[in-house]
Amino acid sequence: MVTRLSNYTYHIIATVLLIVLSFYLNALFQTVLSLSLIFTVGIVHGANDIQLIQKHVGYSPTIFWQTLAIYIGVVFLGIFIFYFFPSFGLLAFVLFSAFHFGEQHYGRYFDPSIGSVYKTLVFVSYGLTIFGGLFYFQWTEVHQVIFTIAHVFVPPHLMGGLFLVGLSAFMLLCAWLPSLRKGLFAELMVLLLLFFLFHATNLLFAFAVYFIFWHSWPSMQDQMRFLYPHASNALWLYLKSSFPYWLLSVIGLVLVYLFFDINATHFLPLFFSFLAAITFPHTVVMGWLKVSSHTPDRKANEVSSSF
């Protein structure tokens, strides 16, 4: 257990410090800090997808423009689904993101002999545990976001059911698979800390802390190791290549916010819809990289097992 927890040293320290800090910050400062983290590290971690694809399939101008066109198309497809089919869009976002979060966190611990079905079930169940816990402990704010986007009322017991189903499935799968069993208790300790975070802070702050310190920054580290395995300035190279796509994402959100004259009560729904729209293609890219690899237990793990 100690060895597994040592893998999360900075994650745990950052989470504990920010929980303590939240008790001393008013709502405005928490919002500013949360948005600052998400609009920097959070968006940047998904802004290098095109370069990841090029590194995987090879560099050429034709591949670049084809990839860019497809990627932009997927972004607009996500926006289209959220606008015309918001309930389906929300459900798809939760399921895709659950798999994505679970894969990033748990992919490295799998024995190569474990089949893809078991991997998928563990990834999704872990991600649903995270979403279920966040949704249940932050039901009031989550309900307002969902109702504004999809005009659907989701009762708290349904959130609690999602949480219990995800957690139960995750625990049973880990207990069943020998390669995951030995780390289960440590992972439950991590989940306990995250549940306290979800309970003790507000929705945006809780999501930001998890999204940045438990997903985005670890994902960026894995991407940098894949893209620049021998570079001493990997972080600078990564940020430089991410900057154009990051800037376009931020400008896009600002223009939508200004053009549609969205009031403060609708900002969170807009924000999470925007985040879902740019997360969807990122999740698709990471999944495609893993599936398309000709050596799934080696090369694909380099690319996406921890994204």
Protein backbone atom coordinates (compact mmCIF):
# COMPACT_ATOMS: atom_id res chain seq x y z
CA MET A 1 0.00 0.00 0.00
CA VAL A 2 2.82 2.40 0.90
CA THR A 3 4.50 1.85 -2.47
CA ARG A 4 1.29 2.53 -4.37
CA LEU A 5 0.51 5.65 -2.34
CA SER A 6 4.04 6.93 -2.96
CA ASN A 7 3.12 7.14 -6.65
CA TYR A 8 0.59 9.80 -5.68
CA THR A 9 2.72 11.85 -3.29
CA TYR A 10 2.36 15.22 -5.00
CA HIS A 11 -1.28 14.52 -5.92
CA ILE A 12 -2.14 13.89 -2.28
CA ILE A 13 -0.13 16.85 -0.96
CA ALA A 14 -1.69 19.23 -3.50
CA THR A 15 -5.19 17.97 -2.73
CA VAL A 16 -4.81 18.28 1.04
CA LEU A 17 -3.28 21.77 0.77
CA LEU A 18 -6.05 22.98 -1.54
CA ILE A 19 -8.77 21.55 0.70
CA VAL A 20 -7.28 23.47 3.62
CA LEU A 21 -6.90 26.57 1.46
CA SER A 22 -10.56 26.37 0.43
CA PHE A 23 -11.59 26.99 4.03
CA TYR A 24 -9.87 30.39 3.92
CA LEU A 25 -10.90 31.51 0.42
CA ASN A 26 -14.25 33.07 -0.34
CA ALA A 27 -16.35 31.88 -3.28
CA LEU A 28 -14.91 34.45 -5.70
CA PHE A 29 -11.29 33.50 -5.02
CA GLN A 30 -12.13 29.80 -5.29
CA THR A 31 -13.75 30.43 -8.66
CA VAL A 32 -10.81 32.47 -9.92
CA LEU A 33 -8.30 29.84 -8.78
CA SER A 34 -10.35 26.99 -10.27
CA LEU A 35 -10.81 28.67 -13.65
CA SER A 36 -7.13 29.66 -13.74
CA LEU A 37 -6.07 26.04 -13.25
CA ILE A 38 -8.55 24.67 -15.79
CA PHE A 39 -7.83 27.32 -18.43
CA THR A 40 -4.10 26.74 -18.16
CA VAL A 41 -3.07 23.17 -17.29
CA GLY A 42 -6.50 21.67 -17.92
CA ILE A 43 -6.92 22.88 -21.50
CA VAL A 44 -3.22 22.63 -22.35
CA HIS A 45 -3.15 18.92 -21.51
CA GLY A 46 -5.55 18.25 -24.38
CA ALA A 47 -4.06 20.73 -26.84
CA ASN A 48 -1.36 18.46 -28.27
CA ASP A 49 -3.58 15.79 -29.76
CA ILE A 50 -2.63 16.55 -33.36
CA GLN A 51 1.07 16.30 -32.57
CA LEU A 52 0.46 13.00 -30.76
CA ILE A 53 -1.30 11.64 -33.85
CA GLN A 54 1.51 12.82 -36.10
CA LYS A 55 4.12 11.22 -33.86
CA HIS A 56 2.12 7.99 -34.01
CA VAL A 57 1.46 7.80 -37.77
CA GLY A 58 4.31 9.95 -39.13
CA TYR A 59 4.86 13.60 -40.02
CA SER A 60 3.71 15.09 -43.35
CA PRO A 61 1.78 18.19 -44.44
CA THR A 62 -1.01 16.03 -45.86
CA ILE A 63 -1.45 14.09 -42.63
CA PHE A 64 -1.37 17.31 -40.64
CA TRP A 65 -4.17 19.00 -42.60
CA GLN A 66 -6.25 15.83 -42.75
CA THR A 67 -5.86 15.35 -39.02
CA LEU A 68 -6.68 18.98 -38.29
CA ALA A 69 -9.82 18.85 -40.45
CA ILE A 70 -11.05 15.64 -38.81
CA TYR A 71 -10.26 16.97 -35.33
CA ILE A 72 -12.15 20.23 -35.91
CA GLY A 73 -15.01 18.19 -37.36
CA VAL A 74 -15.21 16.10 -34.20
CA VAL A 75 -15.25 19.28 -32.07
CA PHE A 76 -18.18 20.66 -34.07
CA LEU A 77 -19.90 17.28 -33.89
CA GLY A 78 -19.66 17.49 -30.11
CA ILE A 79 -21.08 21.02 -30.15
CA PHE A 80 -23.89 19.89 -32.49
CA ILE A 81 -24.82 16.97 -30.22
CA PHE A 82 -24.80 19.15 -27.10
CA TYR A 83 -26.94 21.79 -28.77
CA PHE A 84 -29.57 19.57 -30.42
CA PHE A 85 -29.43 16.45 -28.20
CA PRO A 86 -28.24 17.76 -24.82
CA SER A 87 -29.37 14.76 -22.75
CA PHE A 88 -27.58 12.32 -25.04
CA GLY A 89 -24.57 14.65 -25.14
CA LEU A 90 -24.32 14.74 -21.35
CA LEU A 91 -24.61 10.96 -21.09
CA ALA A 92 -21.98 10.45 -23.78
CA PHE A 93 -19.67 12.98 -22.13
CA VAL A 94 -19.91 11.20 -18.76
CA LEU A 95 -19.28 7.75 -20.25
CA PHE A 96 -16.42 8.84 -22.51
CA SER A 97 -14.83 10.88 -19.73
CA ALA A 98 -15.29 8.07 -17.21
CA PHE A 99 -13.35 5.72 -19.48
CA HIS A 100 -10.75 8.40 -20.17
CA PHE A 101 -10.18 9.24 -16.50
CA GLY A 102 -10.03 5.57 -15.56
CA GLU A 103 -7.59 4.78 -18.35
CA GLN A 104 -5.27 7.61 -17.38
CA HIS A 105 -5.27 6.64 -13.72
CA TYR A 106 -5.30 2.86 -13.88
CA GLY A 107 -3.84 1.90 -17.28
CA ARG A 108 -0.29 1.53 -16.01
CA TYR A 109 -1.19 -1.12 -13.44
CA PHE A 110 -2.59 -3.74 -15.80
CA ASP A 111 -0.88 -7.03 -16.52
CA PRO A 112 -0.43 -7.36 -20.33
CA SER A 113 -2.34 -10.65 -20.27
CA ILE A 114 -5.57 -9.00 -19.07
CA GLY A 115 -8.12 -8.70 -21.86
CA SER A 116 -9.49 -5.45 -23.23
CA VAL A 117 -12.98 -6.18 -21.87
CA TYR A 118 -11.72 -6.31 -18.28
CA LYS A 119 -9.64 -3.18 -18.86
CA THR A 120 -12.60 -1.27 -20.24
CA LEU A 121 -14.82 -2.32 -17.34
CA VAL A 122 -12.23 -1.25 -14.76
CA PHE A 123 -11.61 2.08 -16.50
CA VAL A 124 -15.32 2.90 -16.80
CA SER A 125 -16.17 1.76 -13.27
CA TYR A 126 -13.35 3.85 -11.81
CA GLY A 127 -14.40 6.89 -13.82
CA LEU A 128 -18.04 6.44 -12.83
CA THR A 129 -16.94 6.23 -9.19
CA ILE A 130 -15.27 9.63 -9.58
CA PHE A 131 -18.22 11.18 -11.41
CA GLY A 132 -20.75 9.51 -9.13
CA GLY A 133 -19.00 10.81 -6.01
CA LEU A 134 -18.70 14.32 -7.42
CA PHE A 135 -22.31 14.36 -8.61
CA TYR A 136 -23.67 12.95 -5.36
CA PHE A 137 -21.78 15.22 -2.98
CA GLN A 138 -22.39 18.25 -5.20
CA TRP A 139 -25.93 17.36 -6.23
CA THR A 140 -27.40 20.87 -5.80
CA GLU A 141 -24.94 22.51 -8.19
CA VAL A 142 -24.80 19.53 -10.54
CA HIS A 143 -28.59 19.47 -10.79
CA GLN A 144 -28.64 23.16 -11.74
CA VAL A 145 -26.04 22.56 -14.48
CA ILE A 146 -27.82 19.52 -15.90
CA PHE A 147 -31.25 21.18 -15.77
CA THR A 148 -29.95 24.30 -17.52
CA ILE A 149 -28.30 22.26 -20.29
CA ALA A 150 -30.81 19.47 -20.83
CA HIS A 151 -33.95 20.52 -18.90
CA VAL A 152 -33.85 17.18 -17.10
CA PHE A 153 -34.32 16.71 -13.37
CA VAL A 154 -31.92 14.15 -11.93
CA PRO A 155 -32.88 13.17 -8.36
CA PRO A 156 -30.14 12.80 -5.75
CA HIS A 157 -30.80 9.08 -5.23
CA LEU A 158 -29.95 8.50 -8.92
CA MET A 159 -26.58 10.21 -8.36
CA GLY A 160 -26.08 8.07 -5.28
CA GLY A 161 -26.95 4.98 -7.30
CA LEU A 162 -24.39 5.89 -9.97
CA PHE A 163 -21.79 6.34 -7.24
CA LEU A 164 -22.56 2.98 -5.56
CA VAL A 165 -22.71 1.04 -8.83
CA GLY A 166 -19.38 2.49 -10.00
CA LEU A 167 -17.64 1.90 -6.68
CA SER A 168 -19.03 -1.63 -6.23
CA ALA A 169 -18.09 -2.67 -9.78
CA PHE A 170 -14.62 -1.18 -9.40
CA MET A 171 -13.97 -2.98 -6.10
CA LEU A 172 -15.25 -6.32 -7.40
CA LEU A 173 -13.19 -6.13 -10.58
CA CYS A 174 -10.01 -5.21 -8.70
CA ALA A 175 -10.61 -7.98 -6.16
CA TRP A 176 -11.13 -10.43 -9.05
CA LEU A 177 -7.98 -9.49 -11.02
CA PRO A 178 -4.77 -10.53 -9.19
CA SER A 179 -2.64 -7.77 -10.77
CA LEU A 180 -4.98 -5.10 -9.35
CA ARG A 181 -5.88 -6.73 -6.04
CA LYS A 182 -2.71 -5.76 -4.20
CA GLY A 183 -3.23 -2.05 -4.88
CA LEU A 184 -6.94 -1.95 -4.10
CA PHE A 185 -6.66 -0.74 -0.50
CA ALA A 186 -4.36 2.12 -1.48
CA GLU A 187 -6.74 3.15 -4.26
CA LEU A 188 -9.64 3.13 -1.81
CA MET A 189 -7.64 5.48 0.44
CA VAL A 190 -7.15 7.78 -2.55
CA LEU A 191 -10.86 7.66 -3.32
CA LEU A 192 -11.66 8.47 0.30
CA LEU A 193 -9.53 11.61 0.05
CA LEU A 194 -11.23 12.58 -3.21
CA PHE A 195 -14.68 12.05 -1.71
CA PHE A 196 -13.74 14.33 1.16
CA LEU A 197 -12.62 16.91 -1.41
CA PHE A 198 -15.96 16.59 -3.23
CA HIS A 199 -17.87 16.96 0.04
CA ALA A 200 -15.86 19.80 1.58
CA THR A 201 -15.62 22.19 -1.40
CA ASN A 202 -17.89 23.50 -4.14
CA LEU A 203 -18.44 21.90 -7.54
CA LEU A 204 -16.04 23.98 -9.62
CA PHE A 205 -13.24 23.87 -7.04
CA ALA A 206 -13.62 20.12 -6.44
CA PHE A 207 -13.65 19.39 -10.16
CA ALA A 208 -10.64 21.64 -10.80
CA VAL A 209 -8.50 20.00 -8.12
CA TYR A 210 -9.27 16.49 -9.38
CA PHE A 211 -9.05 17.42 -13.07
CA ILE A 212 -5.72 19.21 -12.75
CA PHE A 213 -3.75 17.26 -10.15
CA TRP A 214 -5.12 13.77 -10.71
CA HIS A 215 -5.64 13.82 -14.47
CA SER A 216 -4.25 16.71 -16.52
CA TRP A 217 -0.77 17.12 -15.08
CA PRO A 218 -0.03 13.34 -14.96
CA SER A 219 -1.33 13.13 -18.54
CA MET A 220 0.94 15.98 -19.63
CA GLN A 221 3.92 14.19 -18.11
CA ASP A 222 3.11 11.00 -20.02
CA GLN A 223 2.62 12.92 -23.26
CA MET A 224 5.95 14.71 -22.83
CA ARG A 225 7.73 11.39 -22.28
CA PHE A 226 6.21 10.10 -25.52
CA LEU A 227 6.74 13.22 -27.63
CA TYR A 228 10.16 14.29 -26.32
CA PRO A 229 11.76 11.25 -24.67
CA HIS A 230 15.29 12.63 -24.76
CA ALA A 231 14.73 16.39 -24.53
CA SER A 232 15.89 18.27 -21.44
CA ASN A 233 13.41 21.09 -22.22
CA ALA A 234 10.41 18.85 -22.83
CA LEU A 235 8.02 21.09 -20.90
CA TRP A 236 8.94 24.15 -22.96
CA LEU A 237 8.59 22.23 -26.24
CA TYR A 238 5.23 20.87 -25.12
CA LEU A 239 3.89 24.28 -24.12
CA LYS A 240 5.13 25.88 -27.34
CA SER A 241 3.42 23.29 -29.54
CA SER A 242 0.23 23.47 -27.45
CA PHE A 243 -0.06 27.25 -27.49
CA PRO A 244 -1.92 27.79 -30.82
CA TYR A 245 -4.62 25.23 -29.99
CA TRP A 246 -4.90 26.44 -26.41
CA LEU A 247 -5.32 30.03 -27.62
CA LEU A 248 -8.03 29.05 -30.11
CA SER A 249 -9.93 27.18 -27.39
CA VAL A 250 -9.86 30.12 -24.98
CA ILE A 251 -10.79 32.65 -27.68
CA GLY A 252 -13.67 30.39 -28.74
CA LEU A 253 -15.14 30.28 -25.23
CA VAL A 254 -14.74 34.03 -24.73
CA LEU A 255 -16.45 34.80 -28.06
CA VAL A 256 -19.37 32.50 -27.27
CA TYR A 257 -19.73 34.06 -23.84
CA LEU A 258 -19.70 37.61 -25.24
CA PHE A 259 -21.71 36.95 -28.41
CA PHE A 260 -24.59 35.19 -26.68
CA ASP A 261 -24.63 37.58 -23.70
CA ILE A 262 -24.73 34.76 -21.17
CA ASN A 263 -25.53 35.80 -17.62
CA ALA A 264 -23.71 34.59 -14.53
CA THR A 265 -26.23 31.85 -13.68
CA HIS A 266 -25.62 30.20 -17.06
CA PHE A 267 -21.83 30.41 -16.95
CA LEU A 268 -21.23 26.98 -15.35
CA PRO A 269 -23.50 25.17 -17.82
CA LEU A 270 -21.75 26.97 -20.71
CA PHE A 271 -18.35 26.22 -19.23
CA PHE A 272 -18.98 22.50 -18.75
CA SER A 273 -20.59 22.24 -22.20
CA PHE A 274 -17.51 23.87 -23.70
CA LEU A 275 -15.24 21.56 -21.71
CA ALA A 276 -17.23 18.55 -22.90
CA ALA A 277 -16.97 19.69 -26.54
CA ILE A 278 -13.17 19.93 -26.43
CA THR A 279 -12.79 16.85 -24.21
CA PHE A 280 -14.74 14.57 -26.57
CA PRO A 281 -12.20 14.68 -29.45
CA HIS A 282 -9.31 14.38 -26.99
CA THR A 283 -10.86 11.22 -25.57
CA VAL A 284 -11.49 9.85 -29.07
CA VAL A 285 -7.88 10.54 -30.08
CA MET A 286 -6.46 8.81 -27.02
CA GLY A 287 -8.71 5.80 -27.53
CA TRP A 288 -7.85 5.61 -31.22
CA LEU A 289 -4.13 5.76 -30.52
CA LYS A 290 -4.41 2.80 -28.20
CA VAL A 291 -6.62 0.69 -30.46
CA SER A 292 -4.67 1.48 -33.63
CA SER A 293 -1.28 0.54 -32.22
CA HIS A 294 0.25 -2.54 -33.79
CA THR A 295 1.94 -3.35 -30.47
CA PRO A 296 -0.84 -2.62 -27.96
CA ASP A 297 1.03 -3.68 -24.86
CA ARG A 298 4.06 -1.57 -25.58
CA LYS A 299 3.60 1.33 -27.97
CA ALA A 300 0.00 2.03 -27.07
CA ASN A 301 0.86 2.15 -23.41
CA GLU A 302 3.48 4.76 -24.22
CA VAL A 303 0.85 6.83 -25.94
CA SER A 304 -2.36 6.52 -24.05
CA SER A 305 -2.46 4.16 -21.10
CA SER A 306 -2.03 7.03 -18.70
CA PHE A 307 -3.73 9.90 -20.57
